[in-house]
Amino acid sequence: MYEEEIKQQKRTIVEMVHANKMEAHMSPTMAMMEIFNVLIRDIMNIENGIDDDRSDKLVLSNGHTALALYAVYESLGIISKEESLLTKKELKKKRKEGGNLIAAERLARELEPYVDKEIRTASIGHIQRGGNPCAYDRVLATRLGVMAGELIENKKYGYMATFVDNKISSVPLSDVAGKTKMVNIDNQLVLQAKKLGICLGE
């Protein structure tokens, strides 16, 4: 599906990488081409533009396949050829200068007249995920992945892999779904956060 369009988009990706002399995750980028094309062309509602609040949003958990997304956008005329060759930071700056703000920035501008404070927004990116994974993180993820594979192999659907008392196991989703896990307000981490002035929504 969309074979000719994808061929051209792959050429665009190579041009992006060459123009920016950048490192790129080429394998996942190329692997996502058909998925992005089907999503954006056939499933998502973006009739009002990708920056409009009424449009469907496509959120990437990280930027490893952003080049594929930009190539699809360029082929559909959502961004220009010039914009497709920019780095992520340059594209964001250009679109911001042109009035295309992300939702958080639009909200900040709308709220500022009503408060006696400057409102700033931040894209926290990798920090949101706690930084780069260490060896422990990678081993834990591998162990959980093995358990998930075993559940599928044994046709134990409706279960999730767990890590309790340093052991990998599984529990039925019905045992954990829809249940609220409360935070102890006397927990040391909570108390330390409050002393730093961090608001926890109380």
C-alpha atoms as a PDB file:
ATOM      1  CA  MET A   1       0.000   0.000   0.000  1.00  0.00           C
ATOM      2  CA  TYR A   2       1.313   3.444  -1.044  1.00  0.00           C
ATOM      3  CA  GLU A   3       4.456   1.813  -2.454  1.00  0.00           C
ATOM      4  CA  GLU A   4       5.421   4.681  -4.786  1.00  0.00           C
ATOM      5  CA  GLU A   5       4.765   7.329  -2.155  1.00  0.00           C
ATOM      6  CA  ILE A   6       6.868   5.415   0.384  1.00  0.00           C
ATOM      7  CA  LYS A   7       9.771   5.119  -2.075  1.00  0.00           C
ATOM      8  CA  GLN A   8       9.814   8.894  -2.484  1.00  0.00           C
ATOM      9  CA  GLN A   9       9.468   9.428   1.255  1.00  0.00           C
ATOM     10  CA  LYS A  10      12.485   7.198   1.885  1.00  0.00           C
ATOM     11  CA  ARG A  11      14.472   9.352  -0.537  1.00  0.00           C
ATOM     12  CA  THR A  12      13.371  12.401   1.440  1.00  0.00           C
ATOM     13  CA  ILE A  13      14.603  10.800   4.659  1.00  0.00           C
ATOM     14  CA  VAL A  14      18.029  10.147   3.155  1.00  0.00           C
ATOM     15  CA  GLU A  15      18.126  13.786   2.027  1.00  0.00           C
ATOM     16  CA  MET A  16      17.206  14.923   5.558  1.00  0.00           C
ATOM     17  CA  VAL A  17      19.994  12.879   7.113  1.00  0.00           C
ATOM     18  CA  HIS A  18      22.539  14.035   4.533  1.00  0.00           C
ATOM     19  CA  ALA A  19      21.515  17.708   4.712  1.00  0.00           C
ATOM     20  CA  ASN A  20      21.753  17.792   8.503  1.00  0.00           C
ATOM     21  CA  LYS A  21      24.781  15.483   8.778  1.00  0.00           C
ATOM     22  CA  MET A  22      22.862  13.778  11.542  1.00  0.00           C
ATOM     23  CA  GLU A  23      22.774  10.393  13.183  1.00  0.00           C
ATOM     24  CA  ALA A  24      19.474   8.620  12.623  1.00  0.00           C
ATOM     25  CA  HIS A  25      17.648   5.463  13.676  1.00  0.00           C
ATOM     26  CA  MET A  26      17.193   4.297  10.094  1.00  0.00           C
ATOM     27  CA  SER A  27      15.812   0.795  10.735  1.00  0.00           C
ATOM     28  CA  PRO A  28      12.787   1.819  12.849  1.00  0.00           C
ATOM     29  CA  THR A  29      12.317   4.912  10.676  1.00  0.00           C
ATOM     30  CA  MET A  30      12.008   2.881   7.468  1.00  0.00           C
ATOM     31  CA  ALA A  31       9.903   0.240   9.215  1.00  0.00           C
ATOM     32  CA  MET A  32       7.300   2.844  10.242  1.00  0.00           C
ATOM     33  CA  MET A  33       6.702   4.309   6.791  1.00  0.00           C
ATOM     34  CA  GLU A  34       3.647   2.254   5.842  1.00  0.00           C
ATOM     35  CA  ILE A  35       2.127   2.566   9.328  1.00  0.00           C
ATOM     36  CA  PHE A  36       2.407   6.367   9.292  1.00  0.00           C
ATOM     37  CA  ASN A  37       0.987   6.554   5.762  1.00  0.00           C
ATOM     38  CA  VAL A  38      -2.074   4.478   6.635  1.00  0.00           C
ATOM     39  CA  LEU A  39      -2.638   6.368   9.902  1.00  0.00           C
ATOM     40  CA  ILE A  40      -2.366   9.837   8.421  1.00  0.00           C
ATOM     41  CA  ARG A  41      -3.992   9.168   5.039  1.00  0.00           C
ATOM     42  CA  ASP A  42      -6.783   6.770   5.988  1.00  0.00           C
ATOM     43  CA  ILE A  43      -7.489   6.857   9.725  1.00  0.00           C
ATOM     44  CA  MET A  44      -6.685  10.181  11.385  1.00  0.00           C
ATOM     45  CA  ASN A  45      -8.844  13.274  11.000  1.00  0.00           C
ATOM     46  CA  ILE A  46      -6.492  16.161  10.158  1.00  0.00           C
ATOM     47  CA  GLU A  47      -8.775  18.106   7.839  1.00  0.00           C
ATOM     48  CA  ASN A  48      -8.217  21.283   9.876  1.00  0.00           C
ATOM     49  CA  GLY A  49      -4.420  20.882   9.959  1.00  0.00           C
ATOM     50  CA  ILE A  50      -2.122  19.071  12.361  1.00  0.00           C
ATOM     51  CA  ASP A  51      -1.911  22.088  14.706  1.00  0.00           C
ATOM     52  CA  ASP A  52      -5.666  22.484  15.137  1.00  0.00           C
ATOM     53  CA  ASP A  53      -7.134  21.369  18.482  1.00  0.00           C
ATOM     54  CA  ARG A  54      -9.976  19.610  16.640  1.00  0.00           C
ATOM     55  CA  SER A  55      -7.577  17.375  14.717  1.00  0.00           C
ATOM     56  CA  ASP A  56      -6.464  13.922  15.805  1.00  0.00           C
ATOM     57  CA  LYS A  57      -3.000  13.897  17.349  1.00  0.00           C
ATOM     58  CA  LEU A  58      -0.182  11.460  16.711  1.00  0.00           C
ATOM     59  CA  VAL A  59       2.128  11.315  19.745  1.00  0.00           C
ATOM     60  CA  LEU A  60       5.506   9.582  19.497  1.00  0.00           C
ATOM     61  CA  SER A  61       6.931   8.213  22.743  1.00  0.00           C
ATOM     62  CA  ASN A  62      10.348   9.299  21.486  1.00  0.00           C
ATOM     63  CA  GLY A  63      11.792  10.940  18.413  1.00  0.00           C
ATOM     64  CA  HIS A  64      13.468   7.901  16.875  1.00  0.00           C
ATOM     65  CA  THR A  65      10.952   7.699  14.012  1.00  0.00           C
ATOM     66  CA  ALA A  66      10.240  11.427  13.650  1.00  0.00           C
ATOM     67  CA  LEU A  67      12.028  11.501  10.285  1.00  0.00           C
ATOM     68  CA  ALA A  68       9.466   9.067   8.894  1.00  0.00           C
ATOM     69  CA  LEU A  69       6.632  11.256  10.157  1.00  0.00           C
ATOM     70  CA  TYR A  70       8.176  14.398   8.636  1.00  0.00           C
ATOM     71  CA  ALA A  71       8.632  12.627   5.294  1.00  0.00           C
ATOM     72  CA  VAL A  72       4.947  11.669   5.210  1.00  0.00           C
ATOM     73  CA  TYR A  73       3.940  15.210   6.181  1.00  0.00           C
ATOM     74  CA  GLU A  74       6.115  16.594   3.381  1.00  0.00           C
ATOM     75  CA  SER A  75       4.610  14.257   0.779  1.00  0.00           C
ATOM     76  CA  LEU A  76       1.110  15.396   1.767  1.00  0.00           C
ATOM     77  CA  GLY A  77       2.032  19.082   1.712  1.00  0.00           C
ATOM     78  CA  ILE A  78       1.550  19.502   5.464  1.00  0.00           C
ATOM     79  CA  ILE A  79       5.087  20.816   5.743  1.00  0.00           C
ATOM     80  CA  SER A  80       7.238  22.141   2.920  1.00  0.00           C
ATOM     81  CA  LYS A  81      10.257  20.459   1.347  1.00  0.00           C
ATOM     82  CA  GLU A  82      12.397  23.118   3.026  1.00  0.00           C
ATOM     83  CA  GLU A  83      10.894  22.334   6.433  1.00  0.00           C
ATOM     84  CA  SER A  84      11.406  18.592   5.975  1.00  0.00           C
ATOM     85  CA  LEU A  85      15.158  19.163   5.707  1.00  0.00           C
ATOM     86  CA  LEU A  86      15.330  21.088   8.995  1.00  0.00           C
ATOM     87  CA  THR A  87      16.310  19.551  12.311  1.00  0.00           C
ATOM     88  CA  LYS A  88      13.529  18.976  14.841  1.00  0.00           C
ATOM     89  CA  LYS A  89      14.623  22.062  16.809  1.00  0.00           C
ATOM     90  CA  GLU A  90      14.805  24.228  13.685  1.00  0.00           C
ATOM     91  CA  LEU A  91      11.375  23.054  12.496  1.00  0.00           C
ATOM     92  CA  LYS A  92       9.802  23.802  15.871  1.00  0.00           C
ATOM     93  CA  LYS A  93      11.353  27.298  15.894  1.00  0.00           C
ATOM     94  CA  LYS A  94      10.200  28.040  12.326  1.00  0.00           C
ATOM     95  CA  ARG A  95       6.633  26.894  12.963  1.00  0.00           C
ATOM     96  CA  LYS A  96       6.532  28.850  16.225  1.00  0.00           C
ATOM     97  CA  GLU A  97       7.645  32.010  14.445  1.00  0.00           C
ATOM     98  CA  GLY A  98       4.894  31.411  11.910  1.00  0.00           C
ATOM     99  CA  GLY A  99       2.244  31.212  14.637  1.00  0.00           C
ATOM    100  CA  ASN A 100       1.958  27.411  14.727  1.00  0.00           C
ATOM    101  CA  LEU A 101       2.247  26.797  18.461  1.00  0.00           C
ATOM    102  CA  ILE A 102       1.879  23.517  20.298  1.00  0.00           C
ATOM    103  CA  ALA A 103      -1.200  23.248  22.535  1.00  0.00           C
ATOM    104  CA  ALA A 104       0.753  23.969  25.733  1.00  0.00           C
ATOM    105  CA  GLU A 105       2.165  27.206  24.299  1.00  0.00           C
ATOM    106  CA  ARG A 106      -1.255  28.328  23.042  1.00  0.00           C
ATOM    107  CA  LEU A 107      -2.728  27.658  26.489  1.00  0.00           C
ATOM    108  CA  ALA A 108       0.094  29.611  28.155  1.00  0.00           C
ATOM    109  CA  ARG A 109      -0.613  32.638  25.948  1.00  0.00           C
ATOM    110  CA  GLU A 110      -4.333  32.468  26.698  1.00  0.00           C
ATOM    111  CA  LEU A 111      -3.821  32.219  30.465  1.00  0.00           C
ATOM    112  CA  GLU A 112      -1.146  34.908  30.917  1.00  0.00           C
ATOM    113  CA  PRO A 113      -3.563  37.899  30.768  1.00  0.00           C
ATOM    114  CA  TYR A 114      -5.446  36.455  33.753  1.00  0.00           C
ATOM    115  CA  VAL A 115      -2.512  35.878  36.112  1.00  0.00           C
ATOM    116  CA  ASP A 116       0.203  38.101  37.490  1.00  0.00           C
ATOM    117  CA  LYS A 117       2.915  35.662  36.435  1.00  0.00           C
ATOM    118  CA  GLU A 118       4.884  34.687  33.364  1.00  0.00           C
ATOM    119  CA  ILE A 119       3.841  31.235  32.145  1.00  0.00           C
ATOM    120  CA  ARG A 120       6.531  29.095  30.563  1.00  0.00           C
ATOM    121  CA  THR A 121       6.263  25.740  28.813  1.00  0.00           C
ATOM    122  CA  ALA A 122       8.868  23.016  28.504  1.00  0.00           C
ATOM    123  CA  SER A 123       9.398  19.958  26.313  1.00  0.00           C
ATOM    124  CA  ILE A 124      10.924  17.546  28.768  1.00  0.00           C
ATOM    125  CA  GLY A 125      11.586  14.753  26.258  1.00  0.00           C
ATOM    126  CA  HIS A 126      13.918  12.079  27.608  1.00  0.00           C
ATOM    127  CA  ILE A 127      13.756  13.545  31.124  1.00  0.00           C
ATOM    128  CA  GLN A 128      10.131  12.431  31.265  1.00  0.00           C
ATOM    129  CA  ARG A 129      11.307   8.841  30.987  1.00  0.00           C
ATOM    130  CA  GLY A 130      13.953   9.270  33.689  1.00  0.00           C
ATOM    131  CA  GLY A 131      16.952   9.690  31.421  1.00  0.00           C
ATOM    132  CA  ASN A 132      18.929   7.068  29.540  1.00  0.00           C
ATOM    133  CA  PRO A 133      18.427   3.459  30.699  1.00  0.00           C
ATOM    134  CA  CYS A 134      21.181   1.928  32.816  1.00  0.00           C
ATOM    135  CA  ALA A 135      22.201  -1.750  32.768  1.00  0.00           C
ATOM    136  CA  TYR A 136      19.671  -2.563  35.511  1.00  0.00           C
ATOM    137  CA  ASP A 137      16.846  -0.990  33.452  1.00  0.00           C
ATOM    138  CA  ARG A 138      17.790  -3.016  30.385  1.00  0.00           C
ATOM    139  CA  VAL A 139      17.964  -6.306  32.293  1.00  0.00           C
ATOM    140  CA  LEU A 140      14.625  -5.619  33.989  1.00  0.00           C
ATOM    141  CA  ALA A 141      12.972  -4.789  30.670  1.00  0.00           C
ATOM    142  CA  THR A 142      14.374  -7.994  29.166  1.00  0.00           C
ATOM    143  CA  ARG A 143      13.093 -10.094  32.065  1.00  0.00           C
ATOM    144  CA  LEU A 144       9.618  -8.562  31.805  1.00  0.00           C
ATOM    145  CA  GLY A 145       9.669  -9.125  28.044  1.00  0.00           C
ATOM    146  CA  VAL A 146      10.540 -12.806  28.514  1.00  0.00           C
ATOM    147  CA  MET A 147       7.622 -13.199  30.920  1.00  0.00           C
ATOM    148  CA  ALA A 148       5.265 -11.474  28.466  1.00  0.00           C
ATOM    149  CA  GLY A 149       6.427 -13.881  25.750  1.00  0.00           C
ATOM    150  CA  GLU A 150       5.849 -16.862  28.020  1.00  0.00           C
ATOM    151  CA  LEU A 151       2.315 -15.669  28.785  1.00  0.00           C
ATOM    152  CA  ILE A 152       1.544 -15.506  25.069  1.00  0.00           C
ATOM    153  CA  GLU A 153       3.199 -18.869  24.449  1.00  0.00           C
ATOM    154  CA  ASN A 154       1.038 -20.430  27.166  1.00  0.00           C
ATOM    155  CA  LYS A 155      -2.066 -18.628  25.884  1.00  0.00           C
ATOM    156  CA  LYS A 156      -2.470 -16.845  29.225  1.00  0.00           C
ATOM    157  CA  TYR A 157      -4.166 -13.764  27.860  1.00  0.00           C
ATOM    158  CA  GLY A 158      -5.509 -11.060  30.143  1.00  0.00           C
ATOM    159  CA  TYR A 159      -2.398 -11.223  32.341  1.00  0.00           C
ATOM    160  CA  MET A 160       0.412  -8.759  32.887  1.00  0.00           C
ATOM    161  CA  ALA A 161       4.067  -9.303  33.766  1.00  0.00           C
ATOM    162  CA  THR A 162       5.009  -8.095  37.268  1.00  0.00           C
ATOM    163  CA  PHE A 163       8.133  -7.383  39.276  1.00  0.00           C
ATOM    164  CA  VAL A 164       7.573  -7.985  42.981  1.00  0.00           C
ATOM    165  CA  ASP A 165      10.228  -8.691  45.628  1.00  0.00           C
ATOM    166  CA  ASN A 166      12.891  -8.876  42.921  1.00  0.00           C
ATOM    167  CA  LYS A 167      11.016 -11.682  41.157  1.00  0.00           C
ATOM    168  CA  ILE A 168       9.278 -11.687  37.773  1.00  0.00           C
ATOM    169  CA  SER A 169       5.777 -13.118  37.848  1.00  0.00           C
ATOM    170  CA  SER A 170       2.328 -12.366  36.445  1.00  0.00           C
ATOM    171  CA  VAL A 171      -1.131 -11.421  37.667  1.00  0.00           C
ATOM    172  CA  PRO A 172      -4.539 -11.253  35.995  1.00  0.00           C
ATOM    173  CA  LEU A 173      -5.326  -7.761  34.715  1.00  0.00           C
ATOM    174  CA  SER A 174      -8.639  -8.012  36.564  1.00  0.00           C
ATOM    175  CA  ASP A 175      -6.687  -7.978  39.839  1.00  0.00           C
ATOM    176  CA  VAL A 176      -5.100  -4.603  39.117  1.00  0.00           C
ATOM    177  CA  ALA A 177      -7.195  -2.768  36.526  1.00  0.00           C
ATOM    178  CA  GLY A 178      -9.510  -0.058  37.774  1.00  0.00           C
ATOM    179  CA  LYS A 179      -7.987   0.001  41.248  1.00  0.00           C
ATOM    180  CA  THR A 180      -6.555   3.130  42.797  1.00  0.00           C
ATOM    181  CA  LYS A 181      -3.173   2.945  44.478  1.00  0.00           C
ATOM    182  CA  MET A 182      -2.999   5.729  47.019  1.00  0.00           C
ATOM    183  CA  VAL A 183       0.153   7.666  47.851  1.00  0.00           C
ATOM    184  CA  ASN A 184       1.168   7.831  51.496  1.00  0.00           C
ATOM    185  CA  ILE A 185       1.446  11.562  52.239  1.00  0.00           C
ATOM    186  CA  ASP A 186       3.919  10.791  55.038  1.00  0.00           C
ATOM    187  CA  ASN A 187       6.282   9.036  52.638  1.00  0.00           C
ATOM    188  CA  GLN A 188       9.813  10.445  52.789  1.00  0.00           C
ATOM    189  CA  LEU A 189       9.857  11.257  49.053  1.00  0.00           C
ATOM    190  CA  VAL A 190       6.590  13.183  49.359  1.00  0.00           C
ATOM    191  CA  LEU A 191       7.832  15.172  52.345  1.00  0.00           C
ATOM    192  CA  GLN A 192      11.127  15.989  50.624  1.00  0.00           C
ATOM    193  CA  ALA A 193       9.306  17.098  47.459  1.00  0.00           C
ATOM    194  CA  LYS A 194       7.137  19.473  49.501  1.00  0.00           C
ATOM    195  CA  LYS A 195      10.220  20.980  51.183  1.00  0.00           C
ATOM    196  CA  LEU A 196      11.548  21.750  47.693  1.00  0.00           C
ATOM    197  CA  GLY A 197       8.340  23.587  46.881  1.00  0.00           C
ATOM    198  CA  ILE A 198       7.005  20.951  44.486  1.00  0.00           C
ATOM    199  CA  CYS A 199       3.219  21.000  44.222  1.00  0.00           C
ATOM    200  CA  LEU A 200       1.674  17.525  44.291  1.00  0.00           C
ATOM    201  CA  GLY A 201      -1.866  18.651  43.558  1.00  0.00           C
ATOM    202  CA  GLU A 202      -3.203  18.738  47.081  1.00  0.00           C
END
